[in-house]
Amino acid sequence: ELSFSSLGFDSLTAVDLRDRLAAATGLSLSATL
């Protein structure tokens, strides 16, 4: 339930997580995901 920003995410780690989820699901996901 905690926001990613409060967990310490910044722009780069946000894109890193997007890339991991895109690879895991095969979806084309936005950089602002």
Full PDB file with SEQRES, HELIX, SHEET, SSBOND, CRYST1, ORIGX, SCALE, CONECT and MASTER records, all heavy atoms in Angstrom:
SEQRES   1 A   33  GLU LEU SER PHE SER SER LEU GLY PHE ASP SER LEU THR          
SEQRES   2 A   33  ALA VAL ASP LEU ARG ASP ARG LEU ALA ALA ALA THR GLY          
SEQRES   3 A   33  LEU SER LEU SER ALA THR LEU                                  
HELIX    1 AA1 PHE A    4  LEU A    7  1                                   4    
HELIX    2 AA2 SER A   11  THR A   25  1                                  15    
CRYST1    1.000    1.000    1.000  90.00  90.00  90.00 P 1           1          
ORIGX1      1.000000  0.000000  0.000000        0.00000                         
ORIGX2      0.000000  1.000000  0.000000        0.00000                         
ORIGX3      0.000000  0.000000  1.000000        0.00000                         
SCALE1      1.000000  0.000000  0.000000        0.00000                         
SCALE2      0.000000  1.000000  0.000000        0.00000                         
SCALE3      0.000000  0.000000  1.000000        0.00000                         
ATOM      1  N   GLU A   1       0.793  -1.213   0.000  1.00  0.00           N  
ATOM      2  CA  GLU A   1       0.000   0.000   0.000  1.00  0.00           C  
ATOM      3  C   GLU A   1       0.836   1.280   0.000  1.00  0.00           C  
ATOM      4  O   GLU A   1       0.311   2.372  -0.206  1.00  0.00           O  
ATOM      5  CB  GLU A   1      -0.938   0.028   1.224  1.00  0.00           C  
ATOM      6  CG  GLU A   1      -0.252   0.285   2.564  1.00  0.00           C  
ATOM      7  CD  GLU A   1       0.414  -0.940   3.160  1.00  0.00           C  
ATOM      8  OE1 GLU A   1       0.304  -2.008   2.531  1.00  0.00           O  
ATOM      9  OE2 GLU A   1       1.020  -0.842   4.232  1.00  0.00           O  
ATOM     10  N   LEU A   2       2.162   1.174   0.228  1.00  0.00           N  
ATOM     11  CA  LEU A   2       3.003   2.369   0.253  1.00  0.00           C  
ATOM     12  C   LEU A   2       3.384   2.773  -1.168  1.00  0.00           C  
ATOM     13  O   LEU A   2       3.569   1.931  -2.045  1.00  0.00           O  
ATOM     14  CB  LEU A   2       4.262   2.122   1.080  1.00  0.00           C  
ATOM     15  CG  LEU A   2       4.081   2.011   2.591  1.00  0.00           C  
ATOM     16  CD1 LEU A   2       5.432   1.881   3.267  1.00  0.00           C  
ATOM     17  CD2 LEU A   2       3.325   3.195   3.157  1.00  0.00           C  
ATOM     18  N   SER A   3       3.511   4.074  -1.375  1.00  0.00           N  
ATOM     19  CA  SER A   3       3.874   4.567  -2.703  1.00  0.00           C  
ATOM     20  C   SER A   3       5.327   4.209  -3.008  1.00  0.00           C  
ATOM     21  O   SER A   3       6.170   4.121  -2.108  1.00  0.00           O  
ATOM     22  CB  SER A   3       3.688   6.077  -2.778  1.00  0.00           C  
ATOM     23  OG  SER A   3       4.617   6.732  -1.938  1.00  0.00           O  
ATOM     24  N   PHE A   4       5.614   4.024  -4.298  1.00  0.00           N  
ATOM     25  CA  PHE A   4       6.974   3.712  -4.713  1.00  0.00           C  
ATOM     26  C   PHE A   4       7.931   4.851  -4.338  1.00  0.00           C  
ATOM     27  O   PHE A   4       9.079   4.603  -3.970  1.00  0.00           O  
ATOM     28  CB  PHE A   4       7.024   3.469  -6.228  1.00  0.00           C  
ATOM     29  CG  PHE A   4       6.361   2.186  -6.648  1.00  0.00           C  
ATOM     30  CD1 PHE A   4       5.248   2.206  -7.473  1.00  0.00           C  
ATOM     31  CD2 PHE A   4       6.838   0.960  -6.216  1.00  0.00           C  
ATOM     32  CE1 PHE A   4       4.628   1.030  -7.871  1.00  0.00           C  
ATOM     33  CE2 PHE A   4       6.227  -0.228  -6.602  1.00  0.00           C  
ATOM     34  CZ  PHE A   4       5.110  -0.193  -7.432  1.00  0.00           C  
ATOM     35  N   SER A   5       7.460   6.082  -4.423  1.00  0.00           N  
ATOM     36  CA  SER A   5       8.340   7.212  -4.087  1.00  0.00           C  
ATOM     37  C   SER A   5       8.740   7.171  -2.623  1.00  0.00           C  
ATOM     38  O   SER A   5       9.885   7.462  -2.277  1.00  0.00           O  
ATOM     39  CB  SER A   5       7.650   8.543  -4.405  1.00  0.00           C  
ATOM     40  OG  SER A   5       6.445   8.677  -3.664  1.00  0.00           O  
ATOM     41  N   SER A   6       7.809   6.780  -1.738  1.00  0.00           N  
ATOM     42  CA  SER A   6       8.149   6.703  -0.316  1.00  0.00           C  
ATOM     43  C   SER A   6       9.082   5.527  -0.031  1.00  0.00           C  
ATOM     44  O   SER A   6       9.761   5.509   0.996  1.00  0.00           O  
ATOM     45  CB  SER A   6       6.881   6.577   0.529  1.00  0.00           C  
ATOM     46  OG  SER A   6       6.227   5.341   0.288  1.00  0.00           O  
ATOM     47  N   LEU A   7       9.123   4.539  -0.946  1.00  0.00           N  
ATOM     48  CA  LEU A   7      10.031   3.405  -0.780  1.00  0.00           C  
ATOM     49  C   LEU A   7      11.435   3.703  -1.293  1.00  0.00           C  
ATOM     50  O   LEU A   7      12.346   2.905  -1.104  1.00  0.00           O  
ATOM     51  CB  LEU A   7       9.483   2.185  -1.515  1.00  0.00           C  
ATOM     52  CG  LEU A   7       8.177   1.590  -0.964  1.00  0.00           C  
ATOM     53  CD1 LEU A   7       7.658   0.502  -1.896  1.00  0.00           C  
ATOM     54  CD2 LEU A   7       8.384   1.038   0.435  1.00  0.00           C  
ATOM     55  N   GLY A   8      11.603   4.853  -1.946  1.00  0.00           N  
ATOM     56  CA  GLY A   8      12.927   5.245  -2.419  1.00  0.00           C  
ATOM     57  C   GLY A   8      13.104   5.222  -3.921  1.00  0.00           C  
ATOM     58  O   GLY A   8      14.226   5.380  -4.410  1.00  0.00           O  
ATOM     59  N   PHE A   9      12.025   5.025  -4.680  1.00  0.00           N  
ATOM     60  CA  PHE A   9      12.154   5.001  -6.132  1.00  0.00           C  
ATOM     61  C   PHE A   9      12.421   6.397  -6.675  1.00  0.00           C  
ATOM     62  O   PHE A   9      11.857   7.384  -6.202  1.00  0.00           O  
ATOM     63  CB  PHE A   9      10.871   4.451  -6.775  1.00  0.00           C  
ATOM     64  CG  PHE A   9      10.866   2.958  -6.925  1.00  0.00           C  
ATOM     65  CD1 PHE A   9      10.590   2.146  -5.841  1.00  0.00           C  
ATOM     66  CD2 PHE A   9      11.141   2.374  -8.151  1.00  0.00           C  
ATOM     67  CE1 PHE A   9      10.587   0.775  -5.971  1.00  0.00           C  
ATOM     68  CE2 PHE A   9      11.142   0.994  -8.300  1.00  0.00           C  
ATOM     69  CZ  PHE A   9      10.871   0.193  -7.208  1.00  0.00           C  
ATOM     70  N   ASP A  10      13.292   6.459  -7.669  1.00  0.00           N  
ATOM     71  CA  ASP A  10      13.515   7.696  -8.408  1.00  0.00           C  
ATOM     72  C   ASP A  10      13.273   7.396  -9.891  1.00  0.00           C  
ATOM     73  O   ASP A  10      12.749   6.340 -10.251  1.00  0.00           O  
ATOM     74  CB  ASP A  10      14.918   8.259  -8.160  1.00  0.00           C  
ATOM     75  CG  ASP A  10      16.023   7.260  -8.527  1.00  0.00           C  
ATOM     76  OD1 ASP A  10      15.736   6.284  -9.257  1.00  0.00           O  
ATOM     77  OD2 ASP A  10      17.171   7.457  -8.094  1.00  0.00           O  
ATOM     78  N   SER A  11      13.663   8.329 -10.749  1.00  0.00           N  
ATOM     79  CA  SER A  11      13.366   8.162 -12.174  1.00  0.00           C  
ATOM     80  C   SER A  11      14.016   6.909 -12.745  1.00  0.00           C  
ATOM     81  O   SER A  11      13.389   6.153 -13.504  1.00  0.00           O  
ATOM     82  CB  SER A  11      13.845   9.401 -12.942  1.00  0.00           C  
ATOM     83  OG  SER A  11      13.153  10.544 -12.506  1.00  0.00           O  
ATOM     84  N   LEU A  12      15.276   6.672 -12.396  1.00  0.00           N  
ATOM     85  CA  LEU A  12      15.979   5.533 -12.979  1.00  0.00           C  
ATOM     86  C   LEU A  12      15.417   4.212 -12.485  1.00  0.00           C  
ATOM     87  O   LEU A  12      15.177   3.288 -13.268  1.00  0.00           O  
ATOM     88  CB  LEU A  12      17.470   5.607 -12.663  1.00  0.00           C  
ATOM     89  CG  LEU A  12      18.249   4.427 -13.251  1.00  0.00           C  
ATOM     90  CD1 LEU A  12      18.417   4.573 -14.745  1.00  0.00           C  
ATOM     91  CD2 LEU A  12      19.591   4.255 -12.586  1.00  0.00           C  
ATOM     92  N   THR A  13      15.187   4.105 -11.177  1.00  0.00           N  
ATOM     93  CA  THR A  13      14.668   2.845 -10.651  1.00  0.00           C  
ATOM     94  C   THR A  13      13.247   2.602 -11.142  1.00  0.00           C  
ATOM     95  O   THR A  13      12.821   1.453 -11.300  1.00  0.00           O  
ATOM     96  CB  THR A  13      14.711   2.842  -9.112  1.00  0.00           C  
ATOM     97  OG1 THR A  13      14.197   4.094  -8.616  1.00  0.00           O  
ATOM     98  CG2 THR A  13      16.130   2.665  -8.615  1.00  0.00           C  
ATOM     99  N   ALA A  14      12.503   3.675 -11.416  1.00  0.00           N  
ATOM    100  CA  ALA A  14      11.165   3.513 -11.984  1.00  0.00           C  
ATOM    101  C   ALA A  14      11.244   2.886 -13.373  1.00  0.00           C  
ATOM    102  O   ALA A  14      10.461   1.988 -13.715  1.00  0.00           O  
ATOM    103  CB  ALA A  14      10.456   4.867 -12.044  1.00  0.00           C  
ATOM    104  N   VAL A  15      12.190   3.361 -14.182  1.00  0.00           N  
ATOM    105  CA  VAL A  15      12.364   2.789 -15.520  1.00  0.00           C  
ATOM    106  C   VAL A  15      12.875   1.355 -15.423  1.00  0.00           C  
ATOM    107  O   VAL A  15      12.477   0.486 -16.197  1.00  0.00           O  
ATOM    108  CB  VAL A  15      13.325   3.660 -16.348  1.00  0.00           C  
ATOM    109  CG1 VAL A  15      13.673   2.991 -17.672  1.00  0.00           C  
ATOM    110  CG2 VAL A  15      12.699   5.028 -16.614  1.00  0.00           C  
ATOM    111  N   ASP A  16      13.755   1.103 -14.452  1.00  0.00           N  
ATOM    112  CA  ASP A  16      14.285  -0.248 -14.262  1.00  0.00           C  
ATOM    113  C   ASP A  16      13.148  -1.224 -13.955  1.00  0.00           C  
ATOM    114  O   ASP A  16      13.065  -2.324 -14.538  1.00  0.00           O  
ATOM    115  CB  ASP A  16      15.307  -0.231 -13.120  1.00  0.00           C  
ATOM    116  CG  ASP A  16      16.126  -1.513 -13.048  1.00  0.00           C  
ATOM    117  OD1 ASP A  16      15.757  -2.499 -13.711  1.00  0.00           O  
ATOM    118  OD2 ASP A  16      17.139  -1.528 -12.313  1.00  0.00           O  
ATOM    119  N   LEU A  17      12.244  -0.838 -13.054  1.00  0.00           N  
ATOM    120  CA  LEU A  17      11.114  -1.710 -12.724  1.00  0.00           C  
ATOM    121  C   LEU A  17      10.208  -1.883 -13.935  1.00  0.00           C  
ATOM    122  O   LEU A  17       9.715  -2.990 -14.204  1.00  0.00           O  
ATOM    123  CB  LEU A  17      10.327  -1.126 -11.550  1.00  0.00           C  
ATOM    124  CG  LEU A  17       9.085  -1.916 -11.118  1.00  0.00           C  
ATOM    125  CD1 LEU A  17       9.440  -3.352 -10.774  1.00  0.00           C  
ATOM    126  CD2 LEU A  17       8.393  -1.230  -9.940  1.00  0.00           C  
ATOM    127  N   ARG A  18       9.982  -0.811 -14.683  1.00  0.00           N  
ATOM    128  CA  ARG A  18       9.178  -0.918 -15.899  1.00  0.00           C  
ATOM    129  C   ARG A  18       9.773  -1.947 -16.861  1.00  0.00           C  
ATOM    130  O   ARG A  18       9.061  -2.784 -17.427  1.00  0.00           O  
ATOM    131  CB  ARG A  18       9.098   0.455 -16.569  1.00  0.00           C  
ATOM    132  CG  ARG A  18       8.191   0.586 -17.808  1.00  0.00           C  
ATOM    133  CD  ARG A  18       8.783   0.012 -19.093  1.00  0.00           C  
ATOM    134  NE  ARG A  18      10.099   0.525 -19.417  1.00  0.00           N  
ATOM    135  CZ  ARG A  18      10.331   1.555 -20.217  1.00  0.00           C  
ATOM    136  NH1 ARG A  18       9.321   2.197 -20.771  1.00  0.00           N  
ATOM    137  NH2 ARG A  18      11.581   1.923 -20.492  1.00  0.00           N  
ATOM    138  N   ASP A  19      11.098  -1.891 -17.043  1.00  0.00           N  
ATOM    139  CA  ASP A  19      11.758  -2.819 -17.957  1.00  0.00           C  
ATOM    140  C   ASP A  19      11.593  -4.267 -17.502  1.00  0.00           C  
ATOM    141  O   ASP A  19      11.352  -5.171 -18.311  1.00  0.00           O  
ATOM    142  CB  ASP A  19      13.237  -2.474 -18.076  1.00  0.00           C  
ATOM    143  CG  ASP A  19      13.470  -1.148 -18.789  1.00  0.00           C  
ATOM    144  OD1 ASP A  19      12.520  -0.635 -19.411  1.00  0.00           O  
ATOM    145  OD2 ASP A  19      14.605  -0.628 -18.727  1.00  0.00           O  
ATOM    146  N   ARG A  20      11.716  -4.484 -16.194  1.00  0.00           N  
ATOM    147  CA  ARG A  20      11.575  -5.847 -15.668  1.00  0.00           C  
ATOM    148  C   ARG A  20      10.157  -6.379 -15.887  1.00  0.00           C  
ATOM    149  O   ARG A  20       9.962  -7.545 -16.270  1.00  0.00           O  
ATOM    150  CB  ARG A  20      11.919  -5.877 -14.173  1.00  0.00           C  
ATOM    151  CG  ARG A  20      13.396  -5.637 -13.871  1.00  0.00           C  
ATOM    152  CD  ARG A  20      13.615  -5.429 -12.376  1.00  0.00           C  
ATOM    153  NE  ARG A  20      15.007  -5.126 -12.069  1.00  0.00           N  
ATOM    154  CZ  ARG A  20      15.910  -6.014 -11.678  1.00  0.00           C  
ATOM    155  NH1 ARG A  20      15.559  -7.286 -11.549  1.00  0.00           N  
ATOM    156  NH2 ARG A  20      17.155  -5.650 -11.413  1.00  0.00           N  
ATOM    157  N   LEU A  21       9.173  -5.536 -15.640  1.00  0.00           N  
ATOM    158  CA  LEU A  21       7.789  -5.976 -15.798  1.00  0.00           C  
ATOM    159  C   LEU A  21       7.429  -6.163 -17.271  1.00  0.00           C  
ATOM    160  O   LEU A  21       6.653  -7.056 -17.623  1.00  0.00           O  
ATOM    161  CB  LEU A  21       6.845  -4.966 -15.142  1.00  0.00           C  
ATOM    162  CG  LEU A  21       6.968  -4.867 -13.616  1.00  0.00           C  
ATOM    163  CD1 LEU A  21       6.079  -3.750 -13.077  1.00  0.00           C  
ATOM    164  CD2 LEU A  21       6.608  -6.194 -12.954  1.00  0.00           C  
ATOM    165  N   ALA A  22       7.991  -5.305 -18.129  1.00  0.00           N  
ATOM    166  CA  ALA A  22       7.750  -5.464 -19.568  1.00  0.00           C  
ATOM    167  C   ALA A  22       8.316  -6.789 -20.056  1.00  0.00           C  
ATOM    168  O   ALA A  22       7.691  -7.500 -20.856  1.00  0.00           O  
ATOM    169  CB  ALA A  22       8.368  -4.294 -20.330  1.00  0.00           C  
ATOM    170  N   ALA A  23       9.500  -7.142 -19.567  1.00  0.00           N  
ATOM    171  CA  ALA A  23      10.104  -8.408 -19.965  1.00  0.00           C  
ATOM    172  C   ALA A  23       9.324  -9.602 -19.416  1.00  0.00           C  
ATOM    173  O   ALA A  23       9.198 -10.636 -20.078  1.00  0.00           O  
ATOM    174  CB  ALA A  23      11.550  -8.461 -19.471  1.00  0.00           C  
ATOM    175  N   ALA A  24       8.761  -9.448 -18.228  1.00  0.00           N  
ATOM    176  CA  ALA A  24       8.044 -10.563 -17.599  1.00  0.00           C  
ATOM    177  C   ALA A  24       6.670 -10.784 -18.198  1.00  0.00           C  
ATOM    178  O   ALA A  24       6.169 -11.916 -18.227  1.00  0.00           O  
ATOM    179  CB  ALA A  24       7.919 -10.313 -16.099  1.00  0.00           C  
ATOM    180  N   THR A  25       6.037  -9.711 -18.693  1.00  0.00           N  
ATOM    181  CA  THR A  25       4.664  -9.832 -19.198  1.00  0.00           C  
ATOM    182  C   THR A  25       4.570  -9.800 -20.711  1.00  0.00           C  
ATOM    183  O   THR A  25       3.540 -10.177 -21.273  1.00  0.00           O  
ATOM    184  CB  THR A  25       3.797  -8.682 -18.651  1.00  0.00           C  
ATOM    185  OG1 THR A  25       4.354  -7.427 -19.092  1.00  0.00           O  
ATOM    186  CG2 THR A  25       3.753  -8.711 -17.129  1.00  0.00           C  
ATOM    187  N   GLY A  26       5.628  -9.316 -21.390  1.00  0.00           N  
ATOM    188  CA  GLY A  26       5.564  -9.164 -22.829  1.00  0.00           C  
ATOM    189  C   GLY A  26       4.769  -7.949 -23.274  1.00  0.00           C  
ATOM    190  O   GLY A  26       4.477  -7.786 -24.455  1.00  0.00           O  
ATOM    191  N   LEU A  27       4.442  -7.067 -22.316  1.00  0.00           N  
ATOM    192  CA  LEU A  27       3.669  -5.873 -22.645  1.00  0.00           C  
ATOM    193  C   LEU A  27       4.593  -4.704 -22.962  1.00  0.00           C  
ATOM    194  O   LEU A  27       5.710  -4.620 -22.448  1.00  0.00           O  
ATOM    195  CB  LEU A  27       2.773  -5.478 -21.468  1.00  0.00           C  
ATOM    196  CG  LEU A  27       1.674  -6.465 -21.073  1.00  0.00           C  
ATOM    197  CD1 LEU A  27       1.026  -6.048 -19.765  1.00  0.00           C  
ATOM    198  CD2 LEU A  27       0.622  -6.544 -22.175  1.00  0.00           C  
ATOM    199  N   SER A  28       4.117  -3.792 -23.792  1.00  0.00           N  
ATOM    200  CA  SER A  28       4.829  -2.538 -24.028  1.00  0.00           C  
ATOM    201  C   SER A  28       4.314  -1.541 -23.004  1.00  0.00           C  
ATOM    202  O   SER A  28       3.151  -1.123 -23.048  1.00  0.00           O  
ATOM    203  CB  SER A  28       4.548  -2.029 -25.453  1.00  0.00           C  
ATOM    204  OG  SER A  28       5.206  -0.798 -25.671  1.00  0.00           O  
ATOM    205  N   LEU A  29       5.156  -1.176 -22.060  1.00  0.00           N  
ATOM    206  CA  LEU A  29       4.734  -0.363 -20.925  1.00  0.00           C  
ATOM    207  C   LEU A  29       5.361   1.025 -20.978  1.00  0.00           C  
ATOM    208  O   LEU A  29       6.510   1.180 -21.386  1.00  0.00           O  
ATOM    209  CB  LEU A  29       5.121  -1.057 -19.612  1.00  0.00           C  
ATOM    210  CG  LEU A  29       4.528  -2.455 -19.406  1.00  0.00           C  
ATOM    211  CD1 LEU A  29       5.123  -3.109 -18.173  1.00  0.00           C  
ATOM    212  CD2 LEU A  29       3.007  -2.385 -19.299  1.00  0.00           C  
ATOM    213  N   SER A  30       4.630   2.002 -20.519  1.00  0.00           N  
ATOM    214  CA  SER A  30       5.079   3.388 -20.537  1.00  0.00           C  
ATOM    215  C   SER A  30       6.216   3.610 -19.552  1.00  0.00           C  
ATOM    216  O   SER A  30       6.288   2.961 -18.495  1.00  0.00           O  
ATOM    217  CB  SER A  30       3.909   4.313 -20.190  1.00  0.00           C  
ATOM    218  OG  SER A  30       4.356   5.616 -19.904  1.00  0.00           O  
ATOM    219  N   ALA A  31       7.102   4.555 -19.892  1.00  0.00           N  
ATOM    220  CA  ALA A  31       8.191   4.904 -18.977  1.00  0.00           C  
ATOM    221  C   ALA A  31       7.661   5.549 -17.704  1.00  0.00           C  
ATOM    222  O   ALA A  31       8.342   5.574 -16.682  1.00  0.00           O  
ATOM    223  CB  ALA A  31       9.171   5.855 -19.669  1.00  0.00           C  
ATOM    224  N   THR A  32       6.418   6.059 -17.749  1.00  0.00           N  
ATOM    225  CA  THR A  32       5.826   6.695 -16.560  1.00  0.00           C  
ATOM    226  C   THR A  32       4.978   5.714 -15.755  1.00  0.00           C  
ATOM    227  O   THR A  32       4.213   6.122 -14.878  1.00  0.00           O  
ATOM    228  CB  THR A  32       4.949   7.888 -16.987  1.00  0.00           C  
ATOM    229  OG1 THR A  32       3.876   7.412 -17.815  1.00  0.00           O  
ATOM    230  CG2 THR A  32       5.758   8.922 -17.760  1.00  0.00           C  
ATOM    231  N   LEU A  33       5.123   4.435 -16.016  1.00  0.00           N  
ATOM    232  CA  LEU A  33       4.283   3.406 -15.403  1.00  0.00           C  
ATOM    233  C   LEU A  33       4.229   3.534 -13.886  1.00  0.00           C  
ATOM    234  O   LEU A  33       3.152   3.528 -13.280  1.00  0.00           O  
ATOM    235  CB  LEU A  33       4.823   2.022 -15.791  1.00  0.00           C  
ATOM    236  CG  LEU A  33       4.075   0.815 -15.222  1.00  0.00           C  
ATOM    237  CD1 LEU A  33       2.764   0.609 -15.963  1.00  0.00           C  
ATOM    238  CD2 LEU A  33       4.945  -0.445 -15.324  1.00  0.00           C  
TER     239      LEU A  33                                                      
MASTER        0    0    0    2    0    0    0    6  238    1    0    3          
END                                                                             
